[in-house]
């Protein structure tokens, strides 16, 4: 899905310039979209959902979100050189 890739790339770019607050916001959006996709898959399927690449991606996104939230608390300034 293109939305997932776009949000993930945007979060990575924000992380590069040390805008951890915005990166965390983007990752929160990514986690939300992945959770919605997972919920839809469970509702459409009569069998319990098995571990898939989306489940793995969701777990990784949650871990990355946690890391970005910790970095945001540190208050590190933006890398203005990379922004330019």
PDB file of N, CA and C in Angstrom:
ATOM      1  N   UNK A   1       0.838  -1.168   0.000  1.00  0.00           N
ATOM      2  CA  UNK A   1       0.000   0.000   0.000  1.00  0.00           C
ATOM      3  C   UNK A   1       0.890   1.239   0.000  1.00  0.00           C
ATOM      4  N   UNK A   2       0.567   2.163  -0.878  1.00  0.00           N
ATOM      5  CA  UNK A   2       1.409   3.347  -1.062  1.00  0.00           C
ATOM      6  C   UNK A   2       1.384   4.276   0.143  1.00  0.00           C
ATOM      7  N   UNK A   3       0.255   4.345   0.829  1.00  0.00           N
ATOM      8  CA  UNK A   3       0.155   5.202   2.008  1.00  0.00           C
ATOM      9  C   UNK A   3       1.141   4.761   3.086  1.00  0.00           C
ATOM     10  N   UNK A   4       1.266   3.467   3.290  1.00  0.00           N
ATOM     11  CA  UNK A   4       2.196   2.947   4.291  1.00  0.00           C
ATOM     12  C   UNK A   4       3.633   3.337   3.957  1.00  0.00           C
ATOM     13  N   UNK A   5       4.001   3.183   2.701  1.00  0.00           N
ATOM     14  CA  UNK A   5       5.353   3.538   2.280  1.00  0.00           C
ATOM     15  C   UNK A   5       5.611   5.031   2.436  1.00  0.00           C
ATOM     16  N   UNK A   6       4.636   5.841   2.071  1.00  0.00           N
ATOM     17  CA  UNK A   6       4.804   7.292   2.144  1.00  0.00           C
ATOM     18  C   UNK A   6       4.972   7.759   3.585  1.00  0.00           C
ATOM     19  N   UNK A   7       4.146   7.260   4.474  1.00  0.00           N
ATOM     20  CA  UNK A   7       4.227   7.662   5.878  1.00  0.00           C
ATOM     21  C   UNK A   7       5.528   7.166   6.499  1.00  0.00           C
ATOM     22  N   UNK A   8       5.927   5.968   6.148  1.00  0.00           N
ATOM     23  CA  UNK A   8       7.178   5.412   6.666  1.00  0.00           C
ATOM     24  C   UNK A   8       8.383   6.229   6.194  1.00  0.00           C
ATOM     25  N   UNK A   9       8.399   6.583   4.930  1.00  0.00           N
ATOM     26  CA  UNK A   9       9.500   7.386   4.390  1.00  0.00           C
ATOM     27  C   UNK A   9       9.529   8.779   5.002  1.00  0.00           C
ATOM     28  N   UNK A  10       8.351   9.350   5.195  1.00  0.00           N
ATOM     29  CA  UNK A  10       8.274  10.680   5.807  1.00  0.00           C
ATOM     30  C   UNK A  10       8.822  10.639   7.240  1.00  0.00           C
ATOM     31  N   UNK A  11       8.470   9.605   7.982  1.00  0.00           N
ATOM     32  CA  UNK A  11       8.978   9.455   9.350  1.00  0.00           C
ATOM     33  C   UNK A  11      10.498   9.312   9.336  1.00  0.00           C
ATOM     34  N   UNK A  12      11.013   8.555   8.384  1.00  0.00           N
ATOM     35  CA  UNK A  12      12.462   8.371   8.286  1.00  0.00           C
ATOM     36  C   UNK A  12      13.169   9.700   7.979  1.00  0.00           C
ATOM     37  N   UNK A  13      12.565  10.507   7.116  1.00  0.00           N
ATOM     38  CA  UNK A  13      13.162  11.809   6.798  1.00  0.00           C
ATOM     39  C   UNK A  13      13.147  12.738   8.008  1.00  0.00           C
ATOM     40  N   UNK A  14      12.060  12.728   8.749  1.00  0.00           N
ATOM     41  CA  UNK A  14      12.001  13.534   9.970  1.00  0.00           C
ATOM     42  C   UNK A  14      13.029  13.058  10.993  1.00  0.00           C
ATOM     43  N   UNK A  15      13.218  11.763  11.052  1.00  0.00           N
ATOM     44  CA  UNK A  15      14.228  11.213  11.967  1.00  0.00           C
ATOM     45  C   UNK A  15      15.625  11.677  11.552  1.00  0.00           C
ATOM     46  N   UNK A  16      15.883  11.739  10.250  1.00  0.00           N
ATOM     47  CA  UNK A  16      17.194  12.164   9.756  1.00  0.00           C
ATOM     48  C   UNK A  16      17.549  13.583  10.181  1.00  0.00           C
ATOM     49  N   UNK A  17      16.550  14.455  10.195  1.00  0.00           N
ATOM     50  CA  UNK A  17      16.826  15.842  10.590  1.00  0.00           C
ATOM     51  C   UNK A  17      16.599  16.048  12.090  1.00  0.00           C
ATOM     52  N   UNK A  18      16.392  14.977  12.799  1.00  0.00           N
ATOM     53  CA  UNK A  18      16.201  14.957  14.259  1.00  0.00           C
ATOM     54  C   UNK A  18      14.920  15.650  14.709  1.00  0.00           C
ATOM     55  N   UNK A  19      13.905  15.626  13.860  1.00  0.00           N
ATOM     56  CA  UNK A  19      12.586  16.125  14.253  1.00  0.00           C
ATOM     57  C   UNK A  19      11.805  14.923  14.787  1.00  0.00           C
ATOM     58  N   UNK A  20      12.174  14.511  15.995  1.00  0.00           N
ATOM     59  CA  UNK A  20      11.636  13.281  16.571  1.00  0.00           C
ATOM     60  C   UNK A  20      10.158  13.388  16.915  1.00  0.00           C
ATOM     61  N   UNK A  21       9.677  14.579  17.220  1.00  0.00           N
ATOM     62  CA  UNK A  21       8.258  14.755  17.529  1.00  0.00           C
ATOM     63  C   UNK A  21       7.418  14.460  16.288  1.00  0.00           C
ATOM     64  N   UNK A  22       7.818  15.011  15.148  1.00  0.00           N
ATOM     65  CA  UNK A  22       7.075  14.766  13.919  1.00  0.00           C
ATOM     66  C   UNK A  22       7.248  13.324  13.447  1.00  0.00           C
ATOM     67  N   UNK A  23       8.432  12.759  13.634  1.00  0.00           N
ATOM     68  CA  UNK A  23       8.650  11.355  13.278  1.00  0.00           C
ATOM     69  C   UNK A  23       7.738  10.460  14.100  1.00  0.00           C
ATOM     70  N   UNK A  24       7.604  10.753  15.391  1.00  0.00           N
ATOM     71  CA  UNK A  24       6.719   9.967  16.249  1.00  0.00           C
ATOM     72  C   UNK A  24       5.265  10.111  15.800  1.00  0.00           C
ATOM     73  N   UNK A  25       4.887  11.309  15.395  1.00  0.00           N
ATOM     74  CA  UNK A  25       3.527  11.532  14.901  1.00  0.00           C
ATOM     75  C   UNK A  25       3.259  10.699  13.643  1.00  0.00           C
ATOM     76  N   UNK A  26       4.209  10.690  12.739  1.00  0.00           N
ATOM     77  CA  UNK A  26       4.065   9.903  11.510  1.00  0.00           C
ATOM     78  C   UNK A  26       4.019   8.402  11.821  1.00  0.00           C
ATOM     79  N   UNK A  27       4.850   7.976  12.753  1.00  0.00           N
ATOM     80  CA  UNK A  27       4.849   6.556  13.119  1.00  0.00           C
ATOM     81  C   UNK A  27       3.545   6.174  13.815  1.00  0.00           C
ATOM     82  N   UNK A  28       2.981   7.093  14.585  1.00  0.00           N
ATOM     83  CA  UNK A  28       1.690   6.822  15.216  1.00  0.00           C
ATOM     84  C   UNK A  28       0.618   6.619  14.148  1.00  0.00           C
ATOM     85  N   UNK A  29       0.682   7.438  13.105  1.00  0.00           N
ATOM     86  CA  UNK A  29      -0.256   7.286  11.980  1.00  0.00           C
ATOM     87  C   UNK A  29      -0.040   5.938  11.295  1.00  0.00           C
ATOM     88  N   UNK A  30       1.217   5.557  11.102  1.00  0.00           N
ATOM     89  CA  UNK A  30       1.529   4.271  10.480  1.00  0.00           C
ATOM     90  C   UNK A  30       0.988   3.113  11.311  1.00  0.00           C
ATOM     91  N   UNK A  31       1.186   3.165  12.618  1.00  0.00           N
ATOM     92  CA  UNK A  31       0.681   2.113  13.510  1.00  0.00           C
ATOM     93  C   UNK A  31      -0.836   2.043  13.420  1.00  0.00           C
ATOM     94  N   UNK A  32      -1.487   3.188  13.397  1.00  0.00           N
ATOM     95  CA  UNK A  32      -2.947   3.231  13.310  1.00  0.00           C
ATOM     96  C   UNK A  32      -3.451   2.582  12.021  1.00  0.00           C
ATOM     97  N   UNK A  33      -2.815   2.910  10.911  1.00  0.00           N
ATOM     98  CA  UNK A  33      -3.227   2.334   9.621  1.00  0.00           C
ATOM     99  C   UNK A  33      -2.992   0.825   9.618  1.00  0.00           C
ATOM    100  N   UNK A  34      -1.856   0.392  10.131  1.00  0.00           N
ATOM    101  CA  UNK A  34      -1.562  -1.045  10.180  1.00  0.00           C
ATOM    102  C   UNK A  34      -2.548  -1.782  11.086  1.00  0.00           C
ATOM    103  N   UNK A  35      -2.917  -1.171  12.200  1.00  0.00           N
ATOM    104  CA  UNK A  35      -3.902  -1.796  13.096  1.00  0.00           C
ATOM    105  C   UNK A  35      -5.250  -1.914  12.407  1.00  0.00           C
ATOM    106  N   UNK A  36      -5.655  -0.867  11.689  1.00  0.00           N
ATOM    107  CA  UNK A  36      -6.928  -0.915  10.960  1.00  0.00           C
ATOM    108  C   UNK A  36      -6.921  -2.006   9.903  1.00  0.00           C
ATOM    109  N   UNK A  37      -5.810  -2.130   9.171  1.00  0.00           N
ATOM    110  CA  UNK A  37      -5.709  -3.187   8.165  1.00  0.00           C
ATOM    111  C   UNK A  37      -5.775  -4.564   8.804  1.00  0.00           C
ATOM    112  N   UNK A  38      -5.133  -4.699   9.946  1.00  0.00           N
ATOM    113  CA  UNK A  38      -5.139  -5.971  10.660  1.00  0.00           C
ATOM    114  C   UNK A  38      -6.543  -6.303  11.155  1.00  0.00           C
ATOM    115  N   UNK A  39      -7.255  -5.307  11.689  1.00  0.00           N
ATOM    116  CA  UNK A  39      -8.625  -5.516  12.161  1.00  0.00           C
ATOM    117  C   UNK A  39      -9.552  -5.908  11.025  1.00  0.00           C
ATOM    118  N   UNK A  40      -9.391  -5.259   9.877  1.00  0.00           N
ATOM    119  CA  UNK A  40     -10.215  -5.591   8.716  1.00  0.00           C
ATOM    120  C   UNK A  40      -9.977  -7.025   8.266  1.00  0.00           C
ATOM    121  N   UNK A  41      -8.723  -7.444   8.297  1.00  0.00           N
ATOM    122  CA  UNK A  41      -8.386  -8.804   7.874  1.00  0.00           C
ATOM    123  C   UNK A  41      -9.017  -9.823   8.819  1.00  0.00           C
ATOM    124  N   UNK A  42      -9.014  -9.530  10.112  1.00  0.00           N
ATOM    125  CA  UNK A  42      -9.608 -10.441  11.098  1.00  0.00           C
ATOM    126  C   UNK A  42     -11.116 -10.521  10.887  1.00  0.00           C
ATOM    127  N   UNK A  43     -11.753  -9.379  10.635  1.00  0.00           N
ATOM    128  CA  UNK A  43     -13.205  -9.375  10.430  1.00  0.00           C
ATOM    129  C   UNK A  43     -13.606 -10.132   9.171  1.00  0.00           C
ATOM    130  N   UNK A  44     -12.791 -10.052   8.129  1.00  0.00           N
ATOM    131  CA  UNK A  44     -13.117 -10.716   6.868  1.00  0.00           C
ATOM    132  C   UNK A  44     -12.840 -12.215   6.930  1.00  0.00           C
ATOM    133  N   UNK A  45     -11.957 -12.610   7.802  1.00  0.00           N
ATOM    134  CA  UNK A  45     -11.566 -14.014   7.890  1.00  0.00           C
ATOM    135  C   UNK A  45     -12.289 -14.683   9.055  1.00  0.00           C
ATOM    136  N   UNK A  46     -12.736 -15.901   8.830  1.00  0.00           N
ATOM    137  CA  UNK A  46     -13.379 -16.639   9.914  1.00  0.00           C
ATOM    138  C   UNK A  46     -12.340 -17.304  10.816  1.00  0.00           C
ATOM    139  N   UNK A  47     -11.128 -17.487  10.308  1.00  0.00           N
ATOM    140  CA  UNK A  47     -10.045 -18.087  11.081  1.00  0.00           C
ATOM    141  C   UNK A  47      -9.274 -16.994  11.819  1.00  0.00           C
ATOM    142  N   UNK A  48      -8.648 -17.336  12.943  1.00  0.00           N
ATOM    143  CA  UNK A  48      -7.812 -16.340  13.622  1.00  0.00           C
ATOM    144  C   UNK A  48      -6.638 -15.925  12.740  1.00  0.00           C
ATOM    145  N   UNK A  49      -6.271 -14.666  12.844  1.00  0.00           N
ATOM    146  CA  UNK A  49      -5.176 -14.140  12.019  1.00  0.00           C
ATOM    147  C   UNK A  49      -3.847 -14.763  12.434  1.00  0.00           C
ATOM    148  N   UNK A  50      -3.099 -15.202  11.475  1.00  0.00           N
ATOM    149  CA  UNK A  50      -1.765 -15.738  11.730  1.00  0.00           C
ATOM    150  C   UNK A  50      -0.750 -14.629  11.584  1.00  0.00           C
ATOM    151  N   UNK A  51       0.445 -14.905  12.042  1.00  0.00           N
ATOM    152  CA  UNK A  51       1.512 -13.927  11.928  1.00  0.00           C
ATOM    153  C   UNK A  51       1.857 -13.729  10.456  1.00  0.00           C
ATOM    154  N   UNK A  52       1.733 -12.520   9.998  1.00  0.00           N
ATOM    155  CA  UNK A  52       2.036 -12.196   8.605  1.00  0.00           C
ATOM    156  C   UNK A  52       3.068 -11.088   8.562  1.00  0.00           C
ATOM    157  N   UNK A  53       3.395 -10.686   7.366  1.00  0.00           N
ATOM    158  CA  UNK A  53       4.352  -9.593   7.222  1.00  0.00           C
ATOM    159  C   UNK A  53       3.783  -8.302   7.794  1.00  0.00           C
ATOM    160  N   UNK A  54       2.457  -8.110   7.710  1.00  0.00           N
ATOM    161  CA  UNK A  54       1.833  -6.914   8.285  1.00  0.00           C
ATOM    162  C   UNK A  54       1.955  -6.912   9.813  1.00  0.00           C
ATOM    163  N   UNK A  55       1.808  -8.078  10.419  1.00  0.00           N
ATOM    164  CA  UNK A  55       1.939  -8.181  11.870  1.00  0.00           C
ATOM    165  C   UNK A  55       3.363  -7.856  12.285  1.00  0.00           C
ATOM    166  N   UNK A  56       4.316  -8.354  11.528  1.00  0.00           N
ATOM    167  CA  UNK A  56       5.721  -8.061  11.804  1.00  0.00           C
ATOM    168  C   UNK A  56       5.992  -6.570  11.610  1.00  0.00           C
ATOM    169  N   UNK A  57       5.440  -6.001  10.549  1.00  0.00           N
ATOM    170  CA  UNK A  57       5.611  -4.581  10.266  1.00  0.00           C
ATOM    171  C   UNK A  57       4.987  -3.735  11.378  1.00  0.00           C
ATOM    172  N   UNK A  58       3.840  -4.158  11.886  1.00  0.00           N
ATOM    173  CA  UNK A  58       3.178  -3.445  12.976  1.00  0.00           C
ATOM    174  C   UNK A  58       4.033  -3.481  14.239  1.00  0.00           C
ATOM    175  N   UNK A  59       4.586  -4.631  14.556  1.00  0.00           N
ATOM    176  CA  UNK A  59       5.445  -4.762  15.741  1.00  0.00           C
ATOM    177  C   UNK A  59       6.679  -3.867  15.611  1.00  0.00           C
ATOM    178  N   UNK A  60       7.293  -3.847  14.436  1.00  0.00           N
ATOM    179  CA  UNK A  60       8.469  -3.005  14.215  1.00  0.00           C
ATOM    180  C   UNK A  60       8.114  -1.526  14.296  1.00  0.00           C
ATOM    181  N   UNK A  61       6.962  -1.149  13.760  1.00  0.00           N
ATOM    182  CA  UNK A  61       6.533   0.246  13.804  1.00  0.00           C
ATOM    183  C   UNK A  61       6.290   0.691  15.248  1.00  0.00           C
ATOM    184  N   UNK A  62       5.706  -0.189  16.051  1.00  0.00           N
ATOM    185  CA  UNK A  62       5.481   0.143  17.470  1.00  0.00           C
ATOM    186  C   UNK A  62       6.798   0.324  18.209  1.00  0.00           C
ATOM    187  N   UNK A  63       7.766  -0.539  17.920  1.00  0.00           N
ATOM    188  CA  UNK A  63       9.076  -0.418  18.558  1.00  0.00           C
ATOM    189  C   UNK A  63       9.759   0.883  18.140  1.00  0.00           C
ATOM    190  N   UNK A  64       9.680   1.195  16.876  1.00  0.00           N
ATOM    191  CA  UNK A  64      10.295   2.426  16.359  1.00  0.00           C
ATOM    192  C   UNK A  64       9.602   3.652  16.949  1.00  0.00           C
ATOM    193  N   UNK A  65       8.282   3.587  17.081  1.00  0.00           N
ATOM    194  CA  UNK A  65       7.521   4.679  17.685  1.00  0.00           C
ATOM    195  C   UNK A  65       7.985   4.915  19.117  1.00  0.00           C
ATOM    196  N   UNK A  66       8.166   3.852  19.855  1.00  0.00           N
ATOM    197  CA  UNK A  66       8.640   3.966  21.236  1.00  0.00           C
ATOM    198  C   UNK A  66      10.004   4.646  21.285  1.00  0.00           C
ATOM    199  N   UNK A  67      10.884   4.268  20.380  1.00  0.00           N
ATOM    200  CA  UNK A  67      12.218   4.865  20.308  1.00  0.00           C
ATOM    201  C   UNK A  67      12.136   6.354  19.976  1.00  0.00           C
ATOM    202  N   UNK A  68      11.284   6.720  19.024  1.00  0.00           N
ATOM    203  CA  UNK A  68      11.148   8.125  18.634  1.00  0.00           C
ATOM    204  C   UNK A  68      10.557   8.958  19.770  1.00  0.00           C
ATOM    205  N   UNK A  69       9.629   8.379  20.522  1.00  0.00           N
ATOM    206  CA  UNK A  69       9.064   9.099  21.660  1.00  0.00           C
ATOM    207  C   UNK A  69      10.123   9.362  22.722  1.00  0.00           C
ATOM    208  N   UNK A  70      11.012   8.391  22.926  1.00  0.00           N
ATOM    209  CA  UNK A  70      12.109   8.587  23.881  1.00  0.00           C
ATOM    210  C   UNK A  70      13.065   9.679  23.392  1.00  0.00           C
ATOM    211  N   UNK A  71      13.381   9.665  22.110  1.00  0.00           N
ATOM    212  CA  UNK A  71      14.273  10.677  21.541  1.00  0.00           C
ATOM    213  C   UNK A  71      13.639  12.069  21.616  1.00  0.00           C
ATOM    214  N   UNK A  72      12.330  12.132  21.403  1.00  0.00           N
ATOM    215  CA  UNK A  72      11.631  13.419  21.451  1.00  0.00           C
ATOM    216  C   UNK A  72      11.712  14.029  22.848  1.00  0.00           C
ATOM    217  N   UNK A  73      11.709  13.186  23.870  1.00  0.00           N
ATOM    218  CA  UNK A  73      11.785  13.676  25.253  1.00  0.00           C
ATOM    219  C   UNK A  73      13.127  14.324  25.559  1.00  0.00           C
ATOM    220  N   UNK A  74      14.156  13.947  24.819  1.00  0.00           N
ATOM    221  CA  UNK A  74      15.495  14.483  25.067  1.00  0.00           C
ATOM    222  C   UNK A  74      15.628  15.931  24.624  1.00  0.00           C
ATOM    223  N   UNK A  75      14.766  16.385  23.733  1.00  0.00           N
ATOM    224  CA  UNK A  75      14.805  17.774  23.281  1.00  0.00           C
ATOM    225  C   UNK A  75      16.011  18.116  22.428  1.00  0.00           C
ATOM    226  N   UNK A  76      16.448  17.198  21.607  1.00  0.00           N
ATOM    227  CA  UNK A  76      17.599  17.424  20.729  1.00  0.00           C
ATOM    228  C   UNK A  76      17.197  18.394  19.617  1.00  0.00           C
ATOM    229  N   UNK A  77      18.019  19.418  19.344  1.00  0.00           N
ATOM    230  CA  UNK A  77      17.658  20.392  18.308  1.00  0.00           C
ATOM    231  C   UNK A  77      17.712  19.784  16.900  1.00  0.00           C
ATOM    232  N   UNK A  78      17.009  20.425  15.989  1.00  0.00           N
ATOM    233  CA  UNK A  78      16.992  19.980  14.593  1.00  0.00           C
ATOM    234  C   UNK A  78      18.380  20.100  13.978  1.00  0.00           C
ATOM    235  N   UNK A  79      18.659  19.233  13.016  1.00  0.00           N
ATOM    236  CA  UNK A  79      19.905  19.296  12.257  1.00  0.00           C
ATOM    237  C   UNK A  79      19.671  20.236  11.084  1.00  0.00           C
ATOM    238  N   UNK A  80      19.929  21.511  11.288  1.00  0.00           N
ATOM    239  CA  UNK A  80      19.626  22.520  10.266  1.00  0.00           C
ATOM    240  C   UNK A  80      20.444  22.330   8.994  1.00  0.00           C
ATOM    241  N   UNK A  81      21.643  21.779   9.117  1.00  0.00           N
ATOM    242  CA  UNK A  81      22.484  21.545   7.943  1.00  0.00           C
ATOM    243  C   UNK A  81      21.792  20.566   6.995  1.00  0.00           C
ATOM    244  N   UNK A  82      21.209  19.517   7.523  1.00  0.00           N
ATOM    245  CA  UNK A  82      20.518  18.524   6.675  1.00  0.00           C
ATOM    246  C   UNK A  82      19.246  19.076   6.082  1.00  0.00           C
ATOM    247  N   UNK A  83      18.607  19.995   6.779  1.00  0.00           N
ATOM    248  CA  UNK A  83      17.374  20.590   6.253  1.00  0.00           C
ATOM    249  C   UNK A  83      17.670  21.388   4.996  1.00  0.00           C
ATOM    250  N   UNK A  84      18.785  22.114   5.016  1.00  0.00           N
ATOM    251  CA  UNK A  84      19.151  22.922   3.856  1.00  0.00           C
ATOM    252  C   UNK A  84      19.597  22.029   2.737  1.00  0.00           C
TER     253      UNK A  84
END
